[in-house]
Amino acid sequence: MNHRILLLFSVFFLFVILSTSFVNAEVRVCYDCANCSNELVDSVYLELNNSISNDTATCIQNSLKENITIDCKGSSITGGSSDYGIYLQNCQNITIKNCSVDGYFNGIYLHDVSGRNLKYPNEIIEDIRR
């Protein structure tokens, strides 16, 4: 009987230790294109706190990151260039949601990304193809 109680307690203790050791995504808020690109680190939940734009280059870009969520929270990413609204390369487990992207050659471009998840409502208003 004591062995069963000890075994049960050990399993419960191991479960508690393992369940608390997983790291949740850190929530970060960004306010412009450069700041959003800099805030993209591994295991981050990135929220836009307002609409952002870049008329001359790609707005949000990064590479070699894992477990990223970009939540525009209904804000827009606008531009007027032949680049990208959001460009991610060689990343894993990416979620992009609630974004409106307008005025770029490609609104959202994920190059060599595994585990991509574009959750609607993402709205690519106009991809400029020349």
Protein backbone atom coordinates (compact mmCIF):
# COMPACT_ATOMS: atom_id res chain seq x y z
CA MET A 1 0.00 0.00 0.00
CA ASN A 2 2.78 2.45 0.89
CA HIS A 3 4.49 1.71 -2.42
CA ARG A 4 1.34 2.62 -4.34
CA ILE A 5 0.98 5.89 -2.46
CA LEU A 6 4.64 6.68 -3.01
CA LEU A 7 4.35 5.82 -6.71
CA LEU A 8 1.19 7.91 -7.07
CA PHE A 9 2.82 10.85 -5.29
CA SER A 10 5.94 10.52 -7.48
CA VAL A 11 3.91 10.51 -10.69
CA PHE A 12 1.88 13.52 -9.51
CA PHE A 13 5.05 15.41 -8.52
CA LEU A 14 6.69 14.64 -11.88
CA PHE A 15 3.57 15.84 -13.71
CA VAL A 16 3.59 19.13 -11.77
CA ILE A 17 7.28 19.70 -12.48
CA LEU A 18 6.95 18.94 -16.20
CA SER A 19 3.81 20.98 -16.70
CA THR A 20 5.31 24.09 -15.12
CA SER A 21 8.60 23.82 -17.01
CA PHE A 22 7.12 24.62 -20.43
CA VAL A 23 7.74 28.19 -21.47
CA ASN A 24 4.76 30.17 -22.69
CA ALA A 25 5.14 32.73 -25.43
CA GLU A 26 6.21 36.14 -24.21
CA VAL A 27 3.76 38.88 -25.20
CA ARG A 28 5.38 41.92 -26.79
CA VAL A 29 3.76 44.99 -28.33
CA CYS A 30 5.19 46.91 -31.28
CA TYR A 31 4.42 50.32 -32.74
CA ASP A 32 6.25 50.64 -36.10
CA CYS A 33 7.86 48.45 -38.77
CA ALA A 34 11.41 48.53 -37.39
CA ASN A 35 10.24 47.95 -33.82
CA CYS A 36 8.05 45.02 -34.90
CA SER A 37 10.97 43.40 -36.75
CA ASN A 38 13.22 43.84 -33.70
CA GLU A 39 10.62 42.39 -31.32
CA LEU A 40 10.41 39.12 -33.29
CA VAL A 41 12.32 36.69 -31.11
CA ASP A 42 11.79 32.99 -30.47
CA SER A 43 8.58 32.11 -28.63
CA VAL A 44 6.93 35.51 -28.88
CA TYR A 45 3.31 36.62 -29.24
CA LEU A 46 3.70 39.95 -31.04
CA GLU A 47 0.79 42.42 -31.01
CA LEU A 48 0.52 45.57 -33.09
CA ASN A 49 -0.88 48.42 -31.02
CA ASN A 50 -1.68 50.57 -34.07
CA SER A 51 -1.54 50.53 -37.87
CA ILE A 52 1.97 50.73 -39.30
CA SER A 53 3.47 51.53 -42.70
CA ASN A 54 6.67 51.63 -44.71
CA ASP A 55 6.54 53.16 -48.18
CA THR A 56 10.10 52.30 -49.21
CA ALA A 57 10.84 48.73 -48.06
CA THR A 58 9.55 45.58 -46.35
CA CYS A 59 7.70 46.40 -43.15
CA ILE A 60 8.12 43.37 -40.84
CA GLN A 61 10.94 40.95 -41.59
CA ASN A 62 13.03 38.39 -39.77
CA SER A 63 14.59 34.96 -40.17
CA LEU A 64 15.59 31.86 -38.24
CA LYS A 65 12.91 32.21 -35.56
CA GLU A 66 10.58 29.65 -33.96
CA ASN A 67 7.13 29.73 -32.37
CA ILE A 68 6.04 33.22 -33.40
CA THR A 69 2.54 34.65 -33.45
CA ILE A 70 1.92 38.01 -35.09
CA ASP A 71 -1.48 39.40 -34.11
CA CYS A 72 -2.30 42.69 -35.80
CA LYS A 73 -5.47 42.94 -33.70
CA GLY A 74 -7.31 44.44 -36.68
CA SER A 75 -4.61 47.02 -37.44
CA SER A 76 -3.22 47.41 -40.94
CA ILE A 77 0.23 47.19 -42.48
CA THR A 78 0.44 49.51 -45.48
CA GLY A 79 3.14 50.40 -47.95
CA GLY A 80 3.85 51.50 -51.45
CA SER A 81 6.87 49.50 -52.46
CA SER A 82 7.83 46.45 -54.43
CA ASP A 83 8.73 44.61 -51.22
CA TYR A 84 6.67 42.74 -48.62
CA GLY A 85 4.30 43.64 -45.82
CA ILE A 86 5.49 40.67 -43.74
CA TYR A 87 8.51 38.62 -44.84
CA LEU A 88 9.71 35.66 -42.76
CA GLN A 89 12.44 33.27 -43.89
CA ASN A 90 13.64 29.92 -42.50
CA CYS A 91 11.26 30.04 -39.55
CA GLN A 92 9.20 27.36 -37.80
CA ASN A 93 5.71 27.41 -36.29
CA ILE A 94 4.47 30.81 -37.43
CA THR A 95 0.95 32.14 -36.91
CA ILE A 96 -0.26 35.40 -38.47
CA LYS A 97 -3.76 36.63 -37.65
CA ASN A 98 -6.10 39.61 -37.74
CA CYS A 99 -3.90 41.52 -40.22
CA SER A 100 -4.84 43.78 -43.12
CA VAL A 101 -1.92 44.22 -45.54
CA ASP A 102 -2.08 46.66 -48.47
CA GLY A 103 0.20 48.19 -51.09
CA TYR A 104 3.09 45.70 -51.23
CA PHE A 105 4.30 43.42 -54.02
CA ASN A 106 3.45 40.48 -51.71
CA GLY A 107 1.37 41.13 -48.63
CA ILE A 108 2.64 38.16 -46.60
CA TYR A 109 5.57 36.09 -47.86
CA LEU A 110 6.78 33.06 -45.92
CA HIS A 111 9.96 31.64 -47.47
CA ASP A 112 11.08 28.18 -46.28
CA VAL A 113 8.73 28.31 -43.30
CA SER A 114 7.47 25.11 -41.72
CA GLY A 115 4.41 25.00 -39.53
CA ARG A 116 2.74 28.04 -41.06
CA ASN A 117 -0.71 29.02 -39.89
CA LEU A 118 -2.47 31.99 -41.43
CA LYS A 119 -5.59 32.49 -39.35
CA TYR A 120 -8.42 34.50 -40.76
CA PRO A 121 -9.41 37.22 -40.89
CA ASN A 122 -6.14 38.20 -42.58
CA GLU A 123 -6.88 40.48 -45.48
CA ILE A 124 -4.45 41.04 -48.32
CA ILE A 125 -6.07 44.04 -49.96
CA GLU A 126 -3.73 44.57 -52.88
CA ASP A 127 -0.63 42.71 -53.96
CA ILE A 128 1.17 44.94 -56.46
CA ARG A 129 2.42 42.70 -59.28
CA ARG A 130 4.39 44.51 -61.95
